[in-house]
């Protein structure tokens, strides 16, 4: 089967509103990781480390939109995702239905085009297609955020290693969440038996390399270690140093700007003092005692 790599699947809007900022794009991309993505990618630029960027698992495009802004002449971003396609096996199909049932390629493309003129190269299919579609040693940065199942993540890490150049960096999402033990197992297995060297950890992402880890860590410590708006600690794990980083208060780097940045909020969300019905229900569910919530449902 041949993946769809670049054709435009349609750009009509499939959202209630168009994203006016990166923060309005649905997804999980925490402040500390935005800071570190910027640091790693800017360092590669400064050291003239060339190569493409690769993301496995894109959801609605939040981190892909960010990555696109760091491309240089002759480089490209490749995104691989199932979107609304067929999962390769039953466990992955159940995972998709539970966590990503609203994901569509059109939604991703609409979000991406709000910030960039050109779409990335898209591999519309499972990440097992990546080794056949991405040239070995062609990438300098790979973000792995696809399946949470051990067998899939293990394969994604192998694919990332093949895609990365000698000094490339891999980022693994959800390496420690309680609902993603498969990611944790695959990540640390790669450290113990696969030669992956941890650079640093945030609360949600693991940053590693198969290249020279010491020079990256020394520079990261020099950059962040003396700041009073972040925290960096070091641990010894499996005979190597691992940095733990909390950079939630570090100033945000310049983010890609949406073409809709000047648009006003919808009337239902601004200027009326009224909360949209869907948000009102959620607020009531989150804040009211269960007995009151049940009573309100009974009245309706």
C-alpha atoms as a PDB file:
ATOM      1  CA  UNK A   1       0.000   0.000   0.000  1.00  0.00           C
ATOM      2  CA  UNK A   2       1.356   3.433  -0.944  1.00  0.00           C
ATOM      3  CA  UNK A   3       0.885   6.266   1.575  1.00  0.00           C
ATOM      4  CA  UNK A   4      -0.518   9.642   0.608  1.00  0.00           C
ATOM      5  CA  UNK A   5       2.532  11.833   1.021  1.00  0.00           C
ATOM      6  CA  UNK A   6       1.727  15.306  -0.256  1.00  0.00           C
ATOM      7  CA  UNK A   7      -1.699  15.718  -1.917  1.00  0.00           C
ATOM      8  CA  UNK A   8      -3.971  18.267  -0.283  1.00  0.00           C
ATOM      9  CA  UNK A   9      -6.943  16.445   1.205  1.00  0.00           C
ATOM     10  CA  UNK A  10      -9.029  19.621   1.431  1.00  0.00           C
ATOM     11  CA  UNK A  11      -8.684  22.772   3.447  1.00  0.00           C
ATOM     12  CA  UNK A  12     -12.232  23.743   4.305  1.00  0.00           C
ATOM     13  CA  UNK A  13     -12.748  24.514   7.958  1.00  0.00           C
ATOM     14  CA  UNK A  14     -13.970  21.719  10.199  1.00  0.00           C
ATOM     15  CA  UNK A  15     -13.793  23.687  13.456  1.00  0.00           C
ATOM     16  CA  UNK A  16     -16.176  25.943  15.298  1.00  0.00           C
ATOM     17  CA  UNK A  17     -13.603  28.708  14.758  1.00  0.00           C
ATOM     18  CA  UNK A  18     -10.237  29.249  13.130  1.00  0.00           C
ATOM     19  CA  UNK A  19      -7.174  29.247  15.440  1.00  0.00           C
ATOM     20  CA  UNK A  20      -6.050  32.806  16.184  1.00  0.00           C
ATOM     21  CA  UNK A  21      -2.969  31.593  18.070  1.00  0.00           C
ATOM     22  CA  UNK A  22      -1.001  28.393  18.597  1.00  0.00           C
ATOM     23  CA  UNK A  23      -2.660  28.085  21.984  1.00  0.00           C
ATOM     24  CA  UNK A  24      -6.038  27.696  20.295  1.00  0.00           C
ATOM     25  CA  UNK A  25      -4.916  24.620  18.344  1.00  0.00           C
ATOM     26  CA  UNK A  26      -6.075  21.541  20.230  1.00  0.00           C
ATOM     27  CA  UNK A  27      -3.288  19.375  21.580  1.00  0.00           C
ATOM     28  CA  UNK A  28      -0.750  18.859  24.326  1.00  0.00           C
ATOM     29  CA  UNK A  29       2.400  20.956  24.038  1.00  0.00           C
ATOM     30  CA  UNK A  30       3.460  22.269  27.435  1.00  0.00           C
ATOM     31  CA  UNK A  31       5.355  25.487  27.979  1.00  0.00           C
ATOM     32  CA  UNK A  32       8.564  23.785  29.166  1.00  0.00           C
ATOM     33  CA  UNK A  33       8.635  21.664  26.015  1.00  0.00           C
ATOM     34  CA  UNK A  34       8.048  24.683  23.777  1.00  0.00           C
ATOM     35  CA  UNK A  35      11.098  26.259  25.446  1.00  0.00           C
ATOM     36  CA  UNK A  36      13.200  23.109  24.980  1.00  0.00           C
ATOM     37  CA  UNK A  37      12.117  22.501  21.377  1.00  0.00           C
ATOM     38  CA  UNK A  38      13.238  26.054  20.657  1.00  0.00           C
ATOM     39  CA  UNK A  39      16.531  25.516  22.483  1.00  0.00           C
ATOM     40  CA  UNK A  40      17.425  22.267  20.679  1.00  0.00           C
ATOM     41  CA  UNK A  41      16.388  23.510  17.235  1.00  0.00           C
ATOM     42  CA  UNK A  42      18.083  26.885  17.674  1.00  0.00           C
ATOM     43  CA  UNK A  43      21.259  25.141  18.840  1.00  0.00           C
ATOM     44  CA  UNK A  44      21.235  22.968  15.726  1.00  0.00           C
ATOM     45  CA  UNK A  45      20.856  26.103  13.613  1.00  0.00           C
ATOM     46  CA  UNK A  46      23.750  27.816  15.388  1.00  0.00           C
ATOM     47  CA  UNK A  47      25.994  24.750  14.977  1.00  0.00           C
ATOM     48  CA  UNK A  48      24.908  24.432  11.324  1.00  0.00           C
ATOM     49  CA  UNK A  49      23.595  20.917  11.843  1.00  0.00           C
ATOM     50  CA  UNK A  50      21.477  20.307   8.760  1.00  0.00           C
ATOM     51  CA  UNK A  51      18.698  17.817   8.184  1.00  0.00           C
ATOM     52  CA  UNK A  52      14.963  17.353   7.935  1.00  0.00           C
ATOM     53  CA  UNK A  53      12.422  17.279  10.760  1.00  0.00           C
ATOM     54  CA  UNK A  54      10.088  14.339  11.398  1.00  0.00           C
ATOM     55  CA  UNK A  55       6.999  13.979  13.566  1.00  0.00           C
ATOM     56  CA  UNK A  56       5.271  10.655  14.164  1.00  0.00           C
ATOM     57  CA  UNK A  57       1.797  11.378  15.490  1.00  0.00           C
ATOM     58  CA  UNK A  58       0.460  14.855  14.772  1.00  0.00           C
ATOM     59  CA  UNK A  59      -3.063  15.066  16.274  1.00  0.00           C
ATOM     60  CA  UNK A  60      -4.363  18.550  15.308  1.00  0.00           C
ATOM     61  CA  UNK A  61      -0.945  19.928  14.345  1.00  0.00           C
ATOM     62  CA  UNK A  62       0.152  21.983  17.352  1.00  0.00           C
ATOM     63  CA  UNK A  63       3.781  20.841  17.567  1.00  0.00           C
ATOM     64  CA  UNK A  64       4.048  20.355  13.792  1.00  0.00           C
ATOM     65  CA  UNK A  65       3.101  24.016  13.275  1.00  0.00           C
ATOM     66  CA  UNK A  66       5.882  24.948  15.704  1.00  0.00           C
ATOM     67  CA  UNK A  67       8.457  22.691  14.017  1.00  0.00           C
ATOM     68  CA  UNK A  68       7.768  24.093  10.550  1.00  0.00           C
ATOM     69  CA  UNK A  69       9.026  27.514  11.684  1.00  0.00           C
ATOM     70  CA  UNK A  70      12.547  26.081  12.204  1.00  0.00           C
ATOM     71  CA  UNK A  71      13.085  24.751   8.689  1.00  0.00           C
ATOM     72  CA  UNK A  72      15.940  26.157   6.630  1.00  0.00           C
ATOM     73  CA  UNK A  73      16.473  26.221   2.881  1.00  0.00           C
ATOM     74  CA  UNK A  74      16.470  22.722   1.425  1.00  0.00           C
ATOM     75  CA  UNK A  75      14.928  21.115   4.517  1.00  0.00           C
ATOM     76  CA  UNK A  76      11.415  19.756   5.007  1.00  0.00           C
ATOM     77  CA  UNK A  77       9.085  18.571   7.735  1.00  0.00           C
ATOM     78  CA  UNK A  78       7.500  15.137   7.370  1.00  0.00           C
ATOM     79  CA  UNK A  79       4.430  14.265   9.434  1.00  0.00           C
ATOM     80  CA  UNK A  80       3.148  10.697   9.780  1.00  0.00           C
ATOM     81  CA  UNK A  81      -0.292  10.035  11.226  1.00  0.00           C
ATOM     82  CA  UNK A  82      -3.241   7.708  10.725  1.00  0.00           C
ATOM     83  CA  UNK A  83      -5.637  10.674  10.956  1.00  0.00           C
ATOM     84  CA  UNK A  84      -8.991   9.096  10.049  1.00  0.00           C
ATOM     85  CA  UNK A  85      -7.383   6.118   8.325  1.00  0.00           C
ATOM     86  CA  UNK A  86      -7.543   2.452   9.232  1.00  0.00           C
ATOM     87  CA  UNK A  87      -5.421   1.292  12.174  1.00  0.00           C
ATOM     88  CA  UNK A  88      -2.947  -1.527  11.472  1.00  0.00           C
ATOM     89  CA  UNK A  89      -4.212  -3.799  14.273  1.00  0.00           C
ATOM     90  CA  UNK A  90      -7.084  -4.152  16.734  1.00  0.00           C
ATOM     91  CA  UNK A  91      -5.286  -2.754  19.826  1.00  0.00           C
ATOM     92  CA  UNK A  92      -4.302   0.355  17.848  1.00  0.00           C
ATOM     93  CA  UNK A  93      -7.864   0.680  16.514  1.00  0.00           C
ATOM     94  CA  UNK A  94      -9.237   0.626  20.071  1.00  0.00           C
ATOM     95  CA  UNK A  95      -6.678   3.236  21.125  1.00  0.00           C
ATOM     96  CA  UNK A  96      -7.627   5.487  18.204  1.00  0.00           C
ATOM     97  CA  UNK A  97     -11.345   5.216  18.939  1.00  0.00           C
ATOM     98  CA  UNK A  98     -10.858   5.980  22.623  1.00  0.00           C
ATOM     99  CA  UNK A  99      -8.435   8.911  22.380  1.00  0.00           C
ATOM    100  CA  UNK A 100      -8.510  10.344  18.856  1.00  0.00           C
ATOM    101  CA  UNK A 101     -11.966   9.638  17.419  1.00  0.00           C
ATOM    102  CA  UNK A 102     -12.384  13.232  16.187  1.00  0.00           C
ATOM    103  CA  UNK A 103      -9.026  13.429  14.385  1.00  0.00           C
ATOM    104  CA  UNK A 104      -9.189  14.078  10.662  1.00  0.00           C
ATOM    105  CA  UNK A 105      -6.605  15.086   8.094  1.00  0.00           C
ATOM    106  CA  UNK A 106      -8.739  18.036   7.009  1.00  0.00           C
ATOM    107  CA  UNK A 107      -8.671  19.434  10.554  1.00  0.00           C
ATOM    108  CA  UNK A 108      -4.887  19.089  10.705  1.00  0.00           C
ATOM    109  CA  UNK A 109      -4.427  20.793   7.332  1.00  0.00           C
ATOM    110  CA  UNK A 110      -6.810  23.632   8.173  1.00  0.00           C
ATOM    111  CA  UNK A 111      -4.901  24.343  11.394  1.00  0.00           C
ATOM    112  CA  UNK A 112      -1.534  24.132   9.634  1.00  0.00           C
ATOM    113  CA  UNK A 113      -2.564  26.497   6.842  1.00  0.00           C
ATOM    114  CA  UNK A 114      -3.625  29.052   9.452  1.00  0.00           C
ATOM    115  CA  UNK A 115       0.087  29.497  10.245  1.00  0.00           C
ATOM    116  CA  UNK A 116       2.024  28.404   7.146  1.00  0.00           C
ATOM    117  CA  UNK A 117       1.493  28.730   3.409  1.00  0.00           C
ATOM    118  CA  UNK A 118       2.808  25.265   2.580  1.00  0.00           C
ATOM    119  CA  UNK A 119       1.765  21.953   4.101  1.00  0.00           C
ATOM    120  CA  UNK A 120       4.421  19.532   5.353  1.00  0.00           C
ATOM    121  CA  UNK A 121       5.018  16.264   3.591  1.00  0.00           C
ATOM    122  CA  UNK A 122       2.280  14.000   4.941  1.00  0.00           C
ATOM    123  CA  UNK A 123       2.516  10.233   5.318  1.00  0.00           C
ATOM    124  CA  UNK A 124      -1.141   9.312   5.810  1.00  0.00           C
ATOM    125  CA  UNK A 125      -0.786   5.920   7.447  1.00  0.00           C
ATOM    126  CA  UNK A 126       0.798   3.997  10.333  1.00  0.00           C
ATOM    127  CA  UNK A 127       4.268   4.882  11.542  1.00  0.00           C
ATOM    128  CA  UNK A 128       5.483   1.468  10.367  1.00  0.00           C
ATOM    129  CA  UNK A 129       5.618   3.110   6.910  1.00  0.00           C
ATOM    130  CA  UNK A 130       8.227   5.649   8.044  1.00  0.00           C
ATOM    131  CA  UNK A 131      11.358   3.522   7.353  1.00  0.00           C
ATOM    132  CA  UNK A 132      10.291   3.096   3.710  1.00  0.00           C
ATOM    133  CA  UNK A 133       9.401   6.777   3.275  1.00  0.00           C
ATOM    134  CA  UNK A 134      12.150   8.613   5.185  1.00  0.00           C
ATOM    135  CA  UNK A 135      15.759   8.287   4.060  1.00  0.00           C
ATOM    136  CA  UNK A 136      18.198   6.957   6.656  1.00  0.00           C
ATOM    137  CA  UNK A 137      20.259   9.620   8.465  1.00  0.00           C
ATOM    138  CA  UNK A 138      18.319  12.424   6.757  1.00  0.00           C
ATOM    139  CA  UNK A 139      16.839  14.032   9.904  1.00  0.00           C
ATOM    140  CA  UNK A 140      18.229  16.142  12.720  1.00  0.00           C
ATOM    141  CA  UNK A 141      15.137  16.166  14.973  1.00  0.00           C
ATOM    142  CA  UNK A 142      12.410  13.525  15.426  1.00  0.00           C
ATOM    143  CA  UNK A 143       9.324  13.919  17.623  1.00  0.00           C
ATOM    144  CA  UNK A 144       7.606  10.628  18.527  1.00  0.00           C
ATOM    145  CA  UNK A 145       4.022  11.147  19.710  1.00  0.00           C
ATOM    146  CA  UNK A 146       1.960   8.450  18.001  1.00  0.00           C
ATOM    147  CA  UNK A 147       0.718   5.231  19.606  1.00  0.00           C
ATOM    148  CA  UNK A 148       1.162   4.543  23.330  1.00  0.00           C
ATOM    149  CA  UNK A 149       1.338   0.771  22.791  1.00  0.00           C
ATOM    150  CA  UNK A 150       4.699  -0.808  23.627  1.00  0.00           C
ATOM    151  CA  UNK A 151       5.182  -2.683  20.338  1.00  0.00           C
ATOM    152  CA  UNK A 152       4.371   0.427  18.282  1.00  0.00           C
ATOM    153  CA  UNK A 153       6.547   2.801  20.322  1.00  0.00           C
ATOM    154  CA  UNK A 154       9.428   0.363  20.201  1.00  0.00           C
ATOM    155  CA  UNK A 155       9.168   0.338  16.413  1.00  0.00           C
ATOM    156  CA  UNK A 156       8.916   4.148  16.321  1.00  0.00           C
ATOM    157  CA  UNK A 157      12.145   4.464  18.307  1.00  0.00           C
ATOM    158  CA  UNK A 158      13.913   2.107  15.891  1.00  0.00           C
ATOM    159  CA  UNK A 159      12.575   4.181  12.986  1.00  0.00           C
ATOM    160  CA  UNK A 160      13.725   7.397  14.677  1.00  0.00           C
ATOM    161  CA  UNK A 161      17.234   6.036  15.143  1.00  0.00           C
ATOM    162  CA  UNK A 162      17.448   5.110  11.462  1.00  0.00           C
ATOM    163  CA  UNK A 163      16.113   8.511  10.355  1.00  0.00           C
ATOM    164  CA  UNK A 164      18.444  10.586  12.541  1.00  0.00           C
ATOM    165  CA  UNK A 165      21.881  11.776  11.629  1.00  0.00           C
ATOM    166  CA  UNK A 166      24.854  11.319  13.952  1.00  0.00           C
ATOM    167  CA  UNK A 167      24.061  14.316  16.193  1.00  0.00           C
ATOM    168  CA  UNK A 168      20.261  14.132  15.853  1.00  0.00           C
ATOM    169  CA  UNK A 169      17.808  14.456  18.733  1.00  0.00           C
ATOM    170  CA  UNK A 170      14.742  12.315  19.414  1.00  0.00           C
ATOM    171  CA  UNK A 171      11.864  13.426  21.650  1.00  0.00           C
ATOM    172  CA  UNK A 172       9.500  10.831  23.139  1.00  0.00           C
ATOM    173  CA  UNK A 173       6.140  12.042  24.420  1.00  0.00           C
ATOM    174  CA  UNK A 174       4.275  10.563  27.414  1.00  0.00           C
ATOM    175  CA  UNK A 175       7.283   8.582  28.641  1.00  0.00           C
ATOM    176  CA  UNK A 176       6.007   8.592  32.252  1.00  0.00           C
ATOM    177  CA  UNK A 177       2.210   9.023  32.323  1.00  0.00           C
ATOM    178  CA  UNK A 178       0.269   6.428  34.301  1.00  0.00           C
ATOM    179  CA  UNK A 179      -1.889   5.565  31.273  1.00  0.00           C
ATOM    180  CA  UNK A 180       1.117   5.037  28.949  1.00  0.00           C
ATOM    181  CA  UNK A 181       3.303   2.323  30.543  1.00  0.00           C
ATOM    182  CA  UNK A 182       4.126   0.992  27.077  1.00  0.00           C
ATOM    183  CA  UNK A 183       5.935   4.228  26.214  1.00  0.00           C
ATOM    184  CA  UNK A 184       7.930   4.103  29.461  1.00  0.00           C
ATOM    185  CA  UNK A 185       8.948   0.504  28.832  1.00  0.00           C
ATOM    186  CA  UNK A 186      10.015   1.182  25.238  1.00  0.00           C
ATOM    187  CA  UNK A 187      11.892   4.376  26.162  1.00  0.00           C
ATOM    188  CA  UNK A 188      13.991   2.950  28.966  1.00  0.00           C
ATOM    189  CA  UNK A 189      14.539  -0.306  27.099  1.00  0.00           C
ATOM    190  CA  UNK A 190      16.104   1.775  24.313  1.00  0.00           C
ATOM    191  CA  UNK A 191      18.376   3.360  26.932  1.00  0.00           C
ATOM    192  CA  UNK A 192      19.452   0.092  28.547  1.00  0.00           C
ATOM    193  CA  UNK A 193      19.809  -2.064  25.446  1.00  0.00           C
ATOM    194  CA  UNK A 194      19.616   0.235  22.418  1.00  0.00           C
ATOM    195  CA  UNK A 195      22.290   2.845  23.054  1.00  0.00           C
ATOM    196  CA  UNK A 196      19.882   5.781  23.449  1.00  0.00           C
ATOM    197  CA  UNK A 197      21.382   8.426  25.738  1.00  0.00           C
ATOM    198  CA  UNK A 198      18.960  10.587  27.720  1.00  0.00           C
ATOM    199  CA  UNK A 199      19.703  14.293  27.495  1.00  0.00           C
ATOM    200  CA  UNK A 200      16.938  15.654  29.683  1.00  0.00           C
ATOM    201  CA  UNK A 201      13.423  15.041  30.932  1.00  0.00           C
ATOM    202  CA  UNK A 202      10.406  17.285  31.455  1.00  0.00           C
ATOM    203  CA  UNK A 203       7.135  16.263  33.068  1.00  0.00           C
ATOM    204  CA  UNK A 204       5.881  14.867  29.739  1.00  0.00           C
ATOM    205  CA  UNK A 205       8.769  14.409  27.279  1.00  0.00           C
ATOM    206  CA  UNK A 206      12.057  12.496  27.084  1.00  0.00           C
ATOM    207  CA  UNK A 207      14.883  14.092  25.036  1.00  0.00           C
ATOM    208  CA  UNK A 208      17.659  11.819  23.867  1.00  0.00           C
ATOM    209  CA  UNK A 209      20.390  11.220  21.303  1.00  0.00           C
ATOM    210  CA  UNK A 210      22.549   8.433  19.944  1.00  0.00           C
ATOM    211  CA  UNK A 211      25.325  10.993  19.473  1.00  0.00           C
ATOM    212  CA  UNK A 212      27.493  13.047  21.832  1.00  0.00           C
ATOM    213  CA  UNK A 213      25.244  13.625  24.845  1.00  0.00           C
ATOM    214  CA  UNK A 214      27.792  15.312  27.134  1.00  0.00           C
ATOM    215  CA  UNK A 215      28.277  18.415  25.007  1.00  0.00           C
ATOM    216  CA  UNK A 216      24.504  18.946  24.704  1.00  0.00           C
ATOM    217  CA  UNK A 217      24.008  18.564  28.453  1.00  0.00           C
ATOM    218  CA  UNK A 218      26.903  20.863  29.316  1.00  0.00           C
ATOM    219  CA  UNK A 219      25.513  23.591  27.096  1.00  0.00           C
ATOM    220  CA  UNK A 220      21.970  23.131  28.399  1.00  0.00           C
ATOM    221  CA  UNK A 221      23.234  23.385  31.967  1.00  0.00           C
ATOM    222  CA  UNK A 222      25.182  26.528  31.119  1.00  0.00           C
ATOM    223  CA  UNK A 223      22.122  28.078  29.475  1.00  0.00           C
ATOM    224  CA  UNK A 224      19.498  27.213  32.075  1.00  0.00           C
ATOM    225  CA  UNK A 225      21.506  26.425  35.197  1.00  0.00           C
ATOM    226  CA  UNK A 226      22.140  30.046  36.193  1.00  0.00           C
ATOM    227  CA  UNK A 227      18.600  31.292  35.525  1.00  0.00           C
ATOM    228  CA  UNK A 228      16.262  32.084  38.393  1.00  0.00           C
ATOM    229  CA  UNK A 229      13.102  31.316  36.410  1.00  0.00           C
ATOM    230  CA  UNK A 230      13.727  27.588  35.891  1.00  0.00           C
ATOM    231  CA  UNK A 231      15.135  24.541  37.647  1.00  0.00           C
ATOM    232  CA  UNK A 232      17.619  21.949  36.372  1.00  0.00           C
ATOM    233  CA  UNK A 233      18.689  18.892  38.324  1.00  0.00           C
ATOM    234  CA  UNK A 234      20.965  15.964  37.444  1.00  0.00           C
ATOM    235  CA  UNK A 235      20.508  12.248  38.107  1.00  0.00           C
ATOM    236  CA  UNK A 236      22.768   9.272  37.470  1.00  0.00           C
ATOM    237  CA  UNK A 237      20.857   6.508  35.669  1.00  0.00           C
ATOM    238  CA  UNK A 238      22.376   3.338  34.204  1.00  0.00           C
ATOM    239  CA  UNK A 239      25.845   4.836  34.363  1.00  0.00           C
ATOM    240  CA  UNK A 240      24.930   8.092  32.642  1.00  0.00           C
ATOM    241  CA  UNK A 241      23.821  11.603  33.558  1.00  0.00           C
ATOM    242  CA  UNK A 242      20.213  12.655  33.003  1.00  0.00           C
ATOM    243  CA  UNK A 243      18.989  16.239  33.446  1.00  0.00           C
ATOM    244  CA  UNK A 244      15.539  17.032  34.816  1.00  0.00           C
ATOM    245  CA  UNK A 245      14.175  20.369  33.654  1.00  0.00           C
ATOM    246  CA  UNK A 246      11.336  22.570  34.833  1.00  0.00           C
ATOM    247  CA  UNK A 247      11.171  25.610  32.565  1.00  0.00           C
ATOM    248  CA  UNK A 248       7.529  26.577  32.967  1.00  0.00           C
ATOM    249  CA  UNK A 249       8.437  30.170  33.927  1.00  0.00           C
ATOM    250  CA  UNK A 250      11.031  30.753  31.200  1.00  0.00           C
ATOM    251  CA  UNK A 251       9.843  33.387  28.705  1.00  0.00           C
ATOM    252  CA  UNK A 252       8.145  31.831  25.707  1.00  0.00           C
ATOM    253  CA  UNK A 253      10.031  31.923  22.412  1.00  0.00           C
ATOM    254  CA  UNK A 254       8.459  33.645  19.446  1.00  0.00           C
ATOM    255  CA  UNK A 255       5.608  31.450  18.240  1.00  0.00           C
ATOM    256  CA  UNK A 256       4.303  31.073  14.693  1.00  0.00           C
ATOM    257  CA  UNK A 257       1.655  33.720  14.016  1.00  0.00           C
ATOM    258  CA  UNK A 258      -1.786  32.782  12.782  1.00  0.00           C
ATOM    259  CA  UNK A 259      -3.217  34.559   9.756  1.00  0.00           C
ATOM    260  CA  UNK A 260      -6.387  34.904  11.849  1.00  0.00           C
ATOM    261  CA  UNK A 261      -4.628  36.557  14.804  1.00  0.00           C
ATOM    262  CA  UNK A 262      -6.607  39.791  14.405  1.00  0.00           C
ATOM    263  CA  UNK A 263     -10.023  38.188  14.363  1.00  0.00           C
ATOM    264  CA  UNK A 264     -12.340  38.900  17.270  1.00  0.00           C
ATOM    265  CA  UNK A 265     -13.742  36.095  19.430  1.00  0.00           C
ATOM    266  CA  UNK A 266     -17.135  34.738  18.468  1.00  0.00           C
ATOM    267  CA  UNK A 267     -20.018  36.778  20.008  1.00  0.00           C
ATOM    268  CA  UNK A 268     -20.982  33.853  22.214  1.00  0.00           C
ATOM    269  CA  UNK A 269     -17.565  33.946  23.899  1.00  0.00           C
ATOM    270  CA  UNK A 270     -16.719  37.636  24.177  1.00  0.00           C
ATOM    271  CA  UNK A 271     -18.518  40.857  24.956  1.00  0.00           C
ATOM    272  CA  UNK A 272     -21.785  39.324  26.150  1.00  0.00           C
ATOM    273  CA  UNK A 273     -20.716  38.064  29.539  1.00  0.00           C
ATOM    274  CA  UNK A 274     -22.418  34.787  28.724  1.00  0.00           C
ATOM    275  CA  UNK A 275     -20.787  31.346  28.703  1.00  0.00           C
ATOM    276  CA  UNK A 276     -21.560  29.039  25.748  1.00  0.00           C
ATOM    277  CA  UNK A 277     -23.899  26.206  26.725  1.00  0.00           C
ATOM    278  CA  UNK A 278     -21.322  23.474  26.169  1.00  0.00           C
ATOM    279  CA  UNK A 279     -18.804  25.246  28.423  1.00  0.00           C
ATOM    280  CA  UNK A 280     -21.480  25.935  31.005  1.00  0.00           C
ATOM    281  CA  UNK A 281     -22.328  22.255  31.256  1.00  0.00           C
ATOM    282  CA  UNK A 282     -18.670  21.363  31.644  1.00  0.00           C
ATOM    283  CA  UNK A 283     -18.116  23.995  34.348  1.00  0.00           C
ATOM    284  CA  UNK A 284     -21.172  22.737  36.244  1.00  0.00           C
ATOM    285  CA  UNK A 285     -19.969  19.158  35.989  1.00  0.00           C
ATOM    286  CA  UNK A 286     -16.462  20.081  37.185  1.00  0.00           C
ATOM    287  CA  UNK A 287     -17.413  22.399  40.039  1.00  0.00           C
ATOM    288  CA  UNK A 288     -20.813  21.456  41.461  1.00  0.00           C
ATOM    289  CA  UNK A 289     -21.245  18.634  43.981  1.00  0.00           C
ATOM    290  CA  UNK A 290     -22.499  15.391  42.350  1.00  0.00           C
ATOM    291  CA  UNK A 291     -25.866  15.581  44.132  1.00  0.00           C
ATOM    292  CA  UNK A 292     -26.524  19.064  42.706  1.00  0.00           C
ATOM    293  CA  UNK A 293     -25.415  18.004  39.212  1.00  0.00           C
ATOM    294  CA  UNK A 294     -27.818  15.033  39.340  1.00  0.00           C
ATOM    295  CA  UNK A 295     -30.641  17.294  40.482  1.00  0.00           C
ATOM    296  CA  UNK A 296     -30.049  19.719  37.620  1.00  0.00           C
ATOM    297  CA  UNK A 297     -30.072  16.871  35.126  1.00  0.00           C
ATOM    298  CA  UNK A 298     -33.372  15.707  36.595  1.00  0.00           C
ATOM    299  CA  UNK A 299     -34.917  19.153  36.173  1.00  0.00           C
ATOM    300  CA  UNK A 300     -33.804  19.326  32.526  1.00  0.00           C
END
